[in-house]
Amino acid sequence: MKEIQATELADKLKNGENIAIIDVREDDEVAEGMIPGAKHIRLGEIPDRLEEFDRNEHYYIVCRSGARSGRATEFLEGNGIEATNMVGGMLAWEDEIETPSDK
């Protein structure tokens, strides 16, 4: 499984890279803040929402600590979707966040 550190993902955002981030946490966790531009798809919904993933895109998967996003990354890769797990999850994220009210 491919992995990326939170600081590396933050650098990609700061450098203006057009990246796709999927946050697999639950609604109450996301309400506390998520990485700007991330799309929220709860872990349990991913199998039913596979059609929303572009097989030509690379996805960075995020959760609270890195465990759920690891499971999501393995599932997506097993279904032919390129994905990378953000190690340490939002607990390791030290950069900007946005809340649903910011959108």
PDB file of N, CA and C in Angstrom:
ATOM      1  N   MET A   1       0.848  -1.186   0.000  1.00  0.00           N
ATOM      2  CA  MET A   1       0.000   0.000   0.000  1.00  0.00           C
ATOM      3  C   MET A   1       0.889   1.243   0.000  1.00  0.00           C
ATOM      4  N   LYS A   2       0.532   2.173  -0.853  1.00  0.00           N
ATOM      5  CA  LYS A   2       1.272   3.439  -0.898  1.00  0.00           C
ATOM      6  C   LYS A   2       0.846   4.306   0.282  1.00  0.00           C
ATOM      7  N   GLU A   3       1.827   5.026   0.844  1.00  0.00           N
ATOM      8  CA  GLU A   3       1.547   5.913   1.970  1.00  0.00           C
ATOM      9  C   GLU A   3       2.229   7.257   1.756  1.00  0.00           C
ATOM     10  N   ILE A   4       1.652   8.280   2.369  1.00  0.00           N
ATOM     11  CA  ILE A   4       2.213   9.628   2.322  1.00  0.00           C
ATOM     12  C   ILE A   4       2.096  10.234   3.721  1.00  0.00           C
ATOM     13  N   GLN A   5       3.085  11.020   4.103  1.00  0.00           N
ATOM     14  CA  GLN A   5       3.039  11.725   5.381  1.00  0.00           C
ATOM     15  C   GLN A   5       2.132  12.953   5.253  1.00  0.00           C
ATOM     16  N   ALA A   6       1.535  13.369   6.347  1.00  0.00           N
ATOM     17  CA  ALA A   6       0.654  14.543   6.339  1.00  0.00           C
ATOM     18  C   ALA A   6       1.399  15.777   5.829  1.00  0.00           C
ATOM     19  N   THR A   7       2.653  15.927   6.206  1.00  0.00           N
ATOM     20  CA  THR A   7       3.427  17.100   5.766  1.00  0.00           C
ATOM     21  C   THR A   7       3.655  17.081   4.260  1.00  0.00           C
ATOM     22  N   GLU A   8       3.848  15.895   3.686  1.00  0.00           N
ATOM     23  CA  GLU A   8       4.039  15.787   2.239  1.00  0.00           C
ATOM     24  C   GLU A   8       2.754  16.155   1.494  1.00  0.00           C
ATOM     25  N   LEU A   9       1.616  15.709   2.020  1.00  0.00           N
ATOM     26  CA  LEU A   9       0.337  16.040   1.390  1.00  0.00           C
ATOM     27  C   LEU A   9       0.076  17.539   1.508  1.00  0.00           C
ATOM     28  N   ALA A  10       0.391  18.114   2.656  1.00  0.00           N
ATOM     29  CA  ALA A  10       0.226  19.559   2.845  1.00  0.00           C
ATOM     30  C   ALA A  10       1.086  20.328   1.847  1.00  0.00           C
ATOM     31  N   ASP A  11       2.311  19.859   1.607  1.00  0.00           N
ATOM     32  CA  ASP A  11       3.190  20.511   0.638  1.00  0.00           C
ATOM     33  C   ASP A  11       2.601  20.470  -0.766  1.00  0.00           C
ATOM     34  N   LYS A  12       1.997  19.350  -1.130  1.00  0.00           N
ATOM     35  CA  LYS A  12       1.361  19.248  -2.453  1.00  0.00           C
ATOM     36  C   LYS A  12       0.268  20.311  -2.600  1.00  0.00           C
ATOM     37  N   LEU A  13      -0.537  20.483  -1.556  1.00  0.00           N
ATOM     38  CA  LEU A  13      -1.593  21.496  -1.586  1.00  0.00           C
ATOM     39  C   LEU A  13      -1.000  22.900  -1.683  1.00  0.00           C
ATOM     40  N   LYS A  14       0.022  23.162  -0.873  1.00  0.00           N
ATOM     41  CA  LYS A  14       0.656  24.482  -0.871  1.00  0.00           C
ATOM     42  C   LYS A  14       1.300  24.807  -2.208  1.00  0.00           C
ATOM     43  N   ASN A  15       1.780  23.769  -2.914  1.00  0.00           N
ATOM     44  CA  ASN A  15       2.404  23.969  -4.219  1.00  0.00           C
ATOM     45  C   ASN A  15       1.383  24.065  -5.348  1.00  0.00           C
ATOM     46  N   GLY A  16       0.100  24.026  -4.990  1.00  0.00           N
ATOM     47  CA  GLY A  16      -0.958  24.201  -5.982  1.00  0.00           C
ATOM     48  C   GLY A  16      -1.256  22.973  -6.826  1.00  0.00           C
ATOM     49  N   GLU A  17      -0.764  21.815  -6.392  1.00  0.00           N
ATOM     50  CA  GLU A  17      -1.057  20.595  -7.147  1.00  0.00           C
ATOM     51  C   GLU A  17      -2.555  20.304  -7.078  1.00  0.00           C
ATOM     52  N   ASN A  18      -3.103  19.867  -8.190  1.00  0.00           N
ATOM     53  CA  ASN A  18      -4.515  19.511  -8.261  1.00  0.00           C
ATOM     54  C   ASN A  18      -4.636  18.057  -7.812  1.00  0.00           C
ATOM     55  N   ILE A  19      -4.966  17.836  -6.556  1.00  0.00           N
ATOM     56  CA  ILE A  19      -5.023  16.482  -6.015  1.00  0.00           C
ATOM     57  C   ILE A  19      -6.415  16.175  -5.478  1.00  0.00           C
ATOM     58  N   ALA A  20      -6.745  14.895  -5.517  1.00  0.00           N
ATOM     59  CA  ALA A  20      -8.052  14.439  -5.036  1.00  0.00           C
ATOM     60  C   ALA A  20      -7.871  13.795  -3.664  1.00  0.00           C
ATOM     61  N   ILE A  21      -8.525  14.367  -2.662  1.00  0.00           N
ATOM     62  CA  ILE A  21      -8.451  13.862  -1.297  1.00  0.00           C
ATOM     63  C   ILE A  21      -9.839  13.369  -0.892  1.00  0.00           C
ATOM     64  N   ILE A  22      -9.889  12.155  -0.355  1.00  0.00           N
ATOM     65  CA  ILE A  22     -11.138  11.584   0.135  1.00  0.00           C
ATOM     66  C   ILE A  22     -11.013  11.396   1.643  1.00  0.00           C
ATOM     67  N   ASP A  23     -11.942  11.974   2.388  1.00  0.00           N
ATOM     68  CA  ASP A  23     -11.982  11.856   3.849  1.00  0.00           C
ATOM     69  C   ASP A  23     -13.025  10.800   4.191  1.00  0.00           C
ATOM     70  N   VAL A  24     -12.603   9.692   4.822  1.00  0.00           N
ATOM     71  CA  VAL A  24     -13.503   8.572   5.084  1.00  0.00           C
ATOM     72  C   VAL A  24     -14.046   8.551   6.515  1.00  0.00           C
ATOM     73  N   ARG A  25     -13.876   9.648   7.243  1.00  0.00           N
ATOM     74  CA  ARG A  25     -14.364   9.700   8.628  1.00  0.00           C
ATOM     75  C   ARG A  25     -15.887   9.827   8.678  1.00  0.00           C
ATOM     76  N   GLU A  26     -16.422   9.712   9.872  1.00  0.00           N
ATOM     77  CA  GLU A  26     -17.858   9.862  10.091  1.00  0.00           C
ATOM     78  C   GLU A  26     -18.238  11.341  10.130  1.00  0.00           C
ATOM     79  N   ASP A  27     -19.531  11.619  10.004  1.00  0.00           N
ATOM     80  CA  ASP A  27     -20.030  12.994   9.923  1.00  0.00           C
ATOM     81  C   ASP A  27     -19.584  13.867  11.096  1.00  0.00           C
ATOM     82  N   ASP A  28     -19.662  13.324  12.319  1.00  0.00           N
ATOM     83  CA  ASP A  28     -19.307  14.138  13.487  1.00  0.00           C
ATOM     84  C   ASP A  28     -17.820  14.486  13.489  1.00  0.00           C
ATOM     85  N   GLU A  29     -16.984  13.609  12.960  1.00  0.00           N
ATOM     86  CA  GLU A  29     -15.550  13.892  12.889  1.00  0.00           C
ATOM     87  C   GLU A  29     -15.263  14.972  11.847  1.00  0.00           C
ATOM     88  N   VAL A  30     -15.917  14.865  10.706  1.00  0.00           N
ATOM     89  CA  VAL A  30     -15.725  15.832   9.622  1.00  0.00           C
ATOM     90  C   VAL A  30     -16.210  17.216  10.047  1.00  0.00           C
ATOM     91  N   ALA A  31     -17.241  17.257  10.881  1.00  0.00           N
ATOM     92  CA  ALA A  31     -17.774  18.538  11.343  1.00  0.00           C
ATOM     93  C   ALA A  31     -16.724  19.341  12.114  1.00  0.00           C
ATOM     94  N   GLU A  32     -15.736  18.654  12.685  1.00  0.00           N
ATOM     95  CA  GLU A  32     -14.667  19.329  13.424  1.00  0.00           C
ATOM     96  C   GLU A  32     -13.624  19.942  12.495  1.00  0.00           C
ATOM     97  N   GLY A  33     -13.670  19.581  11.227  1.00  0.00           N
ATOM     98  CA  GLY A  33     -12.750  20.156  10.250  1.00  0.00           C
ATOM     99  C   GLY A  33     -12.126  19.103   9.368  1.00  0.00           C
ATOM    100  N   MET A  34     -11.915  19.478   8.101  1.00  0.00           N
ATOM    101  CA  MET A  34     -11.273  18.577   7.170  1.00  0.00           C
ATOM    102  C   MET A  34     -10.299  19.345   6.290  1.00  0.00           C
ATOM    103  N   ILE A  35      -9.473  18.631   5.566  1.00  0.00           N
ATOM    104  CA  ILE A  35      -8.492  19.253   4.683  1.00  0.00           C
ATOM    105  C   ILE A  35      -9.247  20.019   3.594  1.00  0.00           C
ATOM    106  N   PRO A  36      -8.880  21.276   3.349  1.00  0.00           N
ATOM    107  CA  PRO A  36      -9.571  22.058   2.321  1.00  0.00           C
ATOM    108  C   PRO A  36      -9.594  21.335   0.973  1.00  0.00           C
ATOM    109  N   GLY A  37     -10.770  21.269   0.386  1.00  0.00           N
ATOM    110  CA  GLY A  37     -10.939  20.638  -0.917  1.00  0.00           C
ATOM    111  C   GLY A  37     -11.205  19.150  -0.872  1.00  0.00           C
ATOM    112  N   ALA A  38     -11.115  18.546   0.310  1.00  0.00           N
ATOM    113  CA  ALA A  38     -11.356  17.105   0.413  1.00  0.00           C
ATOM    114  C   ALA A  38     -12.827  16.800   0.194  1.00  0.00           C
ATOM    115  N   LYS A  39     -13.088  15.606  -0.324  1.00  0.00           N
ATOM    116  CA  LYS A  39     -14.459  15.120  -0.504  1.00  0.00           C
ATOM    117  C   LYS A  39     -14.743  14.116   0.606  1.00  0.00           C
ATOM    118  N   HIS A  40     -15.923  14.198   1.192  1.00  0.00           N
ATOM    119  CA  HIS A  40     -16.289  13.313   2.297  1.00  0.00           C
ATOM    120  C   HIS A  40     -17.091  12.126   1.773  1.00  0.00           C
ATOM    121  N   ILE A  41     -16.530  10.939   1.927  1.00  0.00           N
ATOM    122  CA  ILE A  41     -17.248   9.687   1.664  1.00  0.00           C
ATOM    123  C   ILE A  41     -16.937   8.773   2.833  1.00  0.00           C
ATOM    124  N   ARG A  42     -17.922   8.511   3.679  1.00  0.00           N
ATOM    125  CA  ARG A  42     -17.693   7.646   4.843  1.00  0.00           C
ATOM    126  C   ARG A  42     -17.169   6.274   4.397  1.00  0.00           C
ATOM    127  N   LEU A  43     -16.297   5.685   5.200  1.00  0.00           N
ATOM    128  CA  LEU A  43     -15.689   4.403   4.874  1.00  0.00           C
ATOM    129  C   LEU A  43     -16.729   3.367   4.451  1.00  0.00           C
ATOM    130  N   GLY A  44     -17.800   3.258   5.202  1.00  0.00           N
ATOM    131  CA  GLY A  44     -18.822   2.257   4.909  1.00  0.00           C
ATOM    132  C   GLY A  44     -19.563   2.485   3.600  1.00  0.00           C
ATOM    133  N   GLU A  45     -19.479   3.688   3.036  1.00  0.00           N
ATOM    134  CA  GLU A  45     -20.167   4.004   1.789  1.00  0.00           C
ATOM    135  C   GLU A  45     -19.316   3.753   0.545  1.00  0.00           C
ATOM    136  N   ILE A  46     -18.026   3.582   0.724  1.00  0.00           N
ATOM    137  CA  ILE A  46     -17.138   3.472  -0.432  1.00  0.00           C
ATOM    138  C   ILE A  46     -17.546   2.344  -1.392  1.00  0.00           C
ATOM    139  N   PRO A  47     -17.846   1.132  -0.916  1.00  0.00           N
ATOM    140  CA  PRO A  47     -18.213   0.086  -1.879  1.00  0.00           C
ATOM    141  C   PRO A  47     -19.419   0.456  -2.755  1.00  0.00           C
ATOM    142  N   ASP A  48     -20.373   1.189  -2.176  1.00  0.00           N
ATOM    143  CA  ASP A  48     -21.571   1.573  -2.925  1.00  0.00           C
ATOM    144  C   ASP A  48     -21.365   2.811  -3.791  1.00  0.00           C
ATOM    145  N   ARG A  49     -20.226   3.483  -3.644  1.00  0.00           N
ATOM    146  CA  ARG A  49     -19.992   4.729  -4.377  1.00  0.00           C
ATOM    147  C   ARG A  49     -18.763   4.649  -5.288  1.00  0.00           C
ATOM    148  N   LEU A  50     -18.361   3.439  -5.629  1.00  0.00           N
ATOM    149  CA  LEU A  50     -17.181   3.260  -6.477  1.00  0.00           C
ATOM    150  C   LEU A  50     -17.299   3.988  -7.806  1.00  0.00           C
ATOM    151  N   GLU A  51     -18.518   4.134  -8.317  1.00  0.00           N
ATOM    152  CA  GLU A  51     -18.700   4.805  -9.616  1.00  0.00           C
ATOM    153  C   GLU A  51     -18.303   6.280  -9.556  1.00  0.00           C
ATOM    154  N   GLU A  52     -18.169   6.832  -8.367  1.00  0.00           N
ATOM    155  CA  GLU A  52     -17.768   8.230  -8.218  1.00  0.00           C
ATOM    156  C   GLU A  52     -16.250   8.419  -8.357  1.00  0.00           C
ATOM    157  N   PHE A  53     -15.508   7.319  -8.376  1.00  0.00           N
ATOM    158  CA  PHE A  53     -14.059   7.393  -8.484  1.00  0.00           C
ATOM    159  C   PHE A  53     -13.641   7.277  -9.950  1.00  0.00           C
ATOM    160  N   ASP A  54     -12.817   8.216 -10.392  1.00  0.00           N
ATOM    161  CA  ASP A  54     -12.283   8.231 -11.746  1.00  0.00           C
ATOM    162  C   ASP A  54     -11.044   7.333 -11.769  1.00  0.00           C
ATOM    163  N   ARG A  55     -11.066   6.313 -12.594  1.00  0.00           N
ATOM    164  CA  ARG A  55      -9.950   5.357 -12.628  1.00  0.00           C
ATOM    165  C   ARG A  55      -8.674   5.970 -13.216  1.00  0.00           C
ATOM    166  N   ASN A  56      -8.763   7.179 -13.753  1.00  0.00           N
ATOM    167  CA  ASN A  56      -7.584   7.875 -14.262  1.00  0.00           C
ATOM    168  C   ASN A  56      -7.016   8.862 -13.242  1.00  0.00           C
ATOM    169  N   GLU A  57      -7.650   8.925 -12.076  1.00  0.00           N
ATOM    170  CA  GLU A  57      -7.263   9.868 -11.018  1.00  0.00           C
ATOM    171  C   GLU A  57      -6.509   9.123  -9.922  1.00  0.00           C
ATOM    172  N   HIS A  58      -5.666   9.839  -9.197  1.00  0.00           N
ATOM    173  CA  HIS A  58      -4.986   9.287  -8.020  1.00  0.00           C
ATOM    174  C   HIS A  58      -5.625   9.927  -6.786  1.00  0.00           C
ATOM    175  N   TYR A  59      -6.008   9.116  -5.822  1.00  0.00           N
ATOM    176  CA  TYR A  59      -6.695   9.603  -4.631  1.00  0.00           C
ATOM    177  C   TYR A  59      -5.814   9.470  -3.390  1.00  0.00           C
ATOM    178  N   TYR A  60      -5.898  10.486  -2.536  1.00  0.00           N
ATOM    179  CA  TYR A  60      -5.241  10.462  -1.234  1.00  0.00           C
ATOM    180  C   TYR A  60      -6.346  10.276  -0.197  1.00  0.00           C
ATOM    181  N   ILE A  61      -6.213   9.235   0.626  1.00  0.00           N
ATOM    182  CA  ILE A  61      -7.282   8.846   1.541  1.00  0.00           C
ATOM    183  C   ILE A  61      -6.893   9.226   2.966  1.00  0.00           C
ATOM    184  N   VAL A  62      -7.859   9.849   3.680  1.00  0.00           N
ATOM    185  CA  VAL A  62      -7.615  10.409   5.006  1.00  0.00           C
ATOM    186  C   VAL A  62      -8.696   9.947   5.984  1.00  0.00           C
ATOM    187  N   CYS A  63      -8.293   9.669   7.222  1.00  0.00           N
ATOM    188  CA  CYS A  63      -9.245   9.433   8.311  1.00  0.00           C
ATOM    189  C   CYS A  63      -8.696  10.109   9.561  1.00  0.00           C
ATOM    190  N   ARG A  64      -9.099   9.650  10.730  1.00  0.00           N
ATOM    191  CA  ARG A  64      -8.636  10.271  11.971  1.00  0.00           C
ATOM    192  C   ARG A  64      -7.195   9.905  12.283  1.00  0.00           C
ATOM    193  N   SER A  65      -6.868   8.594  12.213  1.00  0.00           N
ATOM    194  CA  SER A  65      -5.537   8.147  12.632  1.00  0.00           C
ATOM    195  C   SER A  65      -4.750   7.403  11.557  1.00  0.00           C
ATOM    196  N   GLY A  66      -5.396   7.040  10.469  1.00  0.00           N
ATOM    197  CA  GLY A  66      -4.726   6.322   9.390  1.00  0.00           C
ATOM    198  C   GLY A  66      -5.168   4.878   9.224  1.00  0.00           C
ATOM    199  N   ALA A  67      -5.916   4.341  10.185  1.00  0.00           N
ATOM    200  CA  ALA A  67      -6.341   2.937  10.104  1.00  0.00           C
ATOM    201  C   ALA A  67      -7.481   2.743   9.105  1.00  0.00           C
ATOM    202  N   ARG A  68      -8.563   3.516   9.251  1.00  0.00           N
ATOM    203  CA  ARG A  68      -9.688   3.388   8.318  1.00  0.00           C
ATOM    204  C   ARG A  68      -9.272   3.761   6.904  1.00  0.00           C
ATOM    205  N   SER A  69      -8.456   4.805   6.792  1.00  0.00           N
ATOM    206  CA  SER A  69      -8.017   5.205   5.449  1.00  0.00           C
ATOM    207  C   SER A  69      -7.133   4.127   4.836  1.00  0.00           C
ATOM    208  N   GLY A  70      -6.403   3.397   5.662  1.00  0.00           N
ATOM    209  CA  GLY A  70      -5.618   2.273   5.159  1.00  0.00           C
ATOM    210  C   GLY A  70      -6.507   1.192   4.583  1.00  0.00           C
ATOM    211  N   ARG A  71      -7.598   0.889   5.280  1.00  0.00           N
ATOM    212  CA  ARG A  71      -8.549  -0.108   4.771  1.00  0.00           C
ATOM    213  C   ARG A  71      -9.185   0.380   3.474  1.00  0.00           C
ATOM    214  N   ALA A  72      -9.547   1.662   3.436  1.00  0.00           N
ATOM    215  CA  ALA A  72     -10.150   2.226   2.221  1.00  0.00           C
ATOM    216  C   ALA A  72      -9.163   2.189   1.059  1.00  0.00           C
ATOM    217  N   THR A  73      -7.895   2.520   1.329  1.00  0.00           N
ATOM    218  CA  THR A  73      -6.863   2.507   0.292  1.00  0.00           C
ATOM    219  C   THR A  73      -6.707   1.101  -0.282  1.00  0.00           C
ATOM    220  N   GLU A  74      -6.642   0.099   0.591  1.00  0.00           N
ATOM    221  CA  GLU A  74      -6.511  -1.283   0.123  1.00  0.00           C
ATOM    222  C   GLU A  74      -7.728  -1.701  -0.700  1.00  0.00           C
ATOM    223  N   PHE A  75      -8.922  -1.321  -0.271  1.00  0.00           N
ATOM    224  CA  PHE A  75     -10.138  -1.661  -1.007  1.00  0.00           C
ATOM    225  C   PHE A  75     -10.132  -1.011  -2.394  1.00  0.00           C
ATOM    226  N   LEU A  76      -9.810   0.283  -2.437  1.00  0.00           N
ATOM    227  CA  LEU A  76      -9.799   0.992  -3.720  1.00  0.00           C
ATOM    228  C   LEU A  76      -8.765   0.392  -4.668  1.00  0.00           C
ATOM    229  N   GLU A  77      -7.557   0.140  -4.161  1.00  0.00           N
ATOM    230  CA  GLU A  77      -6.527  -0.457  -5.007  1.00  0.00           C
ATOM    231  C   GLU A  77      -6.957  -1.832  -5.517  1.00  0.00           C
ATOM    232  N   GLY A  78      -7.649  -2.583  -4.675  1.00  0.00           N
ATOM    233  CA  GLY A  78      -8.161  -3.895  -5.076  1.00  0.00           C
ATOM    234  C   GLY A  78      -9.219  -3.808  -6.155  1.00  0.00           C
ATOM    235  N   ASN A  79      -9.791  -2.622  -6.313  1.00  0.00           N
ATOM    236  CA  ASN A  79     -10.803  -2.390  -7.342  1.00  0.00           C
ATOM    237  C   ASN A  79     -10.260  -1.544  -8.494  1.00  0.00           C
ATOM    238  N   GLY A  80      -8.938  -1.501  -8.622  1.00  0.00           N
ATOM    239  CA  GLY A  80      -8.315  -0.844  -9.760  1.00  0.00           C
ATOM    240  C   GLY A  80      -8.250   0.664  -9.686  1.00  0.00           C
ATOM    241  N   ILE A  81      -8.378   1.217  -8.484  1.00  0.00           N
ATOM    242  CA  ILE A  81      -8.331   2.671  -8.309  1.00  0.00           C
ATOM    243  C   ILE A  81      -7.035   3.018  -7.574  1.00  0.00           C
ATOM    244  N   GLU A  82      -6.265   3.941  -8.149  1.00  0.00           N
ATOM    245  CA  GLU A  82      -4.982   4.314  -7.552  1.00  0.00           C
ATOM    246  C   GLU A  82      -5.218   5.176  -6.313  1.00  0.00           C
ATOM    247  N   ALA A  83      -4.679   4.722  -5.185  1.00  0.00           N
ATOM    248  CA  ALA A  83      -4.907   5.424  -3.922  1.00  0.00           C
ATOM    249  C   ALA A  83      -3.675   5.357  -3.030  1.00  0.00           C
ATOM    250  N   THR A  84      -3.540   6.390  -2.192  1.00  0.00           N
ATOM    251  CA  THR A  84      -2.446   6.483  -1.229  1.00  0.00           C
ATOM    252  C   THR A  84      -3.028   6.851   0.130  1.00  0.00           C
ATOM    253  N   ASN A  85      -2.593   6.158   1.175  1.00  0.00           N
ATOM    254  CA  ASN A  85      -3.049   6.407   2.538  1.00  0.00           C
ATOM    255  C   ASN A  85      -2.207   7.510   3.189  1.00  0.00           C
ATOM    256  N   MET A  86      -2.876   8.488   3.830  1.00  0.00           N
ATOM    257  CA  MET A  86      -2.148   9.491   4.595  1.00  0.00           C
ATOM    258  C   MET A  86      -1.888   8.937   5.996  1.00  0.00           C
ATOM    259  N   VAL A  87      -0.617   8.682   6.287  1.00  0.00           N
ATOM    260  CA  VAL A  87      -0.188   8.112   7.556  1.00  0.00           C
ATOM    261  C   VAL A  87      -0.519   9.070   8.705  1.00  0.00           C
ATOM    262  N   GLY A  88      -1.079   8.524   9.775  1.00  0.00           N
ATOM    263  CA  GLY A  88      -1.354   9.331  10.961  1.00  0.00           C
ATOM    264  C   GLY A  88      -2.663  10.087  10.924  1.00  0.00           C
ATOM    265  N   GLY A  89      -3.302  10.131   9.764  1.00  0.00           N
ATOM    266  CA  GLY A  89      -4.606  10.770   9.628  1.00  0.00           C
ATOM    267  C   GLY A  89      -4.634  12.224  10.074  1.00  0.00           C
ATOM    268  N   MET A  90      -5.819  12.682  10.407  1.00  0.00           N
ATOM    269  CA  MET A  90      -5.992  14.082  10.805  1.00  0.00           C
ATOM    270  C   MET A  90      -5.279  14.395  12.120  1.00  0.00           C
ATOM    271  N   LEU A  91      -4.959  13.379  12.909  1.00  0.00           N
ATOM    272  CA  LEU A  91      -4.186  13.613  14.130  1.00  0.00           C
ATOM    273  C   LEU A  91      -2.794  14.139  13.786  1.00  0.00           C
ATOM    274  N   ALA A  92      -2.296  13.808  12.594  1.00  0.00           N
ATOM    275  CA  ALA A  92      -0.970  14.253  12.167  1.00  0.00           C
ATOM    276  C   ALA A  92      -1.027  15.527  11.317  1.00  0.00           C
ATOM    277  N   TRP A  93      -2.232  15.956  10.942  1.00  0.00           N
ATOM    278  CA  TRP A  93      -2.397  17.124  10.068  1.00  0.00           C
ATOM    279  C   TRP A  93      -2.191  18.399  10.874  1.00  0.00           C
ATOM    280  N   GLU A  94      -1.248  19.242  10.456  1.00  0.00           N
ATOM    281  CA  GLU A  94      -0.941  20.470  11.190  1.00  0.00           C
ATOM    282  C   GLU A  94      -1.212  21.717  10.369  1.00  0.00           C
ATOM    283  N   ASP A  95      -1.842  21.548   9.220  1.00  0.00           N
ATOM    284  CA  ASP A  95      -2.090  22.688   8.350  1.00  0.00           C
ATOM    285  C   ASP A  95      -3.554  23.122   8.414  1.00  0.00           C
ATOM    286  N   GLU A  96      -3.944  23.954   7.464  1.00  0.00           N
ATOM    287  CA  GLU A  96      -5.293  24.509   7.462  1.00  0.00           C
ATOM    288  C   GLU A  96      -6.362  23.421   7.381  1.00  0.00           C
ATOM    289  N   ILE A  97      -7.482  23.727   8.001  1.00  0.00           N
ATOM    290  CA  ILE A  97      -8.665  22.887   7.858  1.00  0.00           C
ATOM    291  C   ILE A  97      -9.840  23.785   7.526  1.00  0.00           C
ATOM    292  N   GLU A  98     -10.894  23.168   6.987  1.00  0.00           N
ATOM    293  CA  GLU A  98     -12.130  23.885   6.778  1.00  0.00           C
ATOM    294  C   GLU A  98     -13.255  23.083   7.409  1.00  0.00           C
ATOM    295  N   THR A  99     -14.264  23.794   7.869  1.00  0.00           N
ATOM    296  CA  THR A  99     -15.428  23.121   8.432  1.00  0.00           C
ATOM    297  C   THR A  99     -16.557  23.224   7.422  1.00  0.00           C
ATOM    298  N   PRO A 100     -17.576  22.374   7.555  1.00  0.00           N
ATOM    299  CA  PRO A 100     -18.687  22.440   6.602  1.00  0.00           C
ATOM    300  C   PRO A 100     -19.283  23.851   6.476  1.00  0.00           C
ATOM    301  N   SER A 101     -19.243  24.623   7.548  1.00  0.00           N
ATOM    302  CA  SER A 101     -19.794  25.995   7.487  1.00  0.00           C
ATOM    303  C   SER A 101     -18.924  26.945   6.677  1.00  0.00           C
ATOM    304  N   ASP A 102     -17.653  26.560   6.418  1.00  0.00           N
ATOM    305  CA  ASP A 102     -16.750  27.381   5.616  1.00  0.00           C
ATOM    306  C   ASP A 102     -17.051  27.281   4.126  1.00  0.00           C
ATOM    307  N   LYS A 103     -17.737  26.217   3.734  1.00  0.00           N
ATOM    308  CA  LYS A 103     -17.966  25.959   2.312  1.00  0.00           C
ATOM    309  C   LYS A 103     -19.084  26.793   1.758  1.00  0.00           C
TER     310      LYS A 103
END
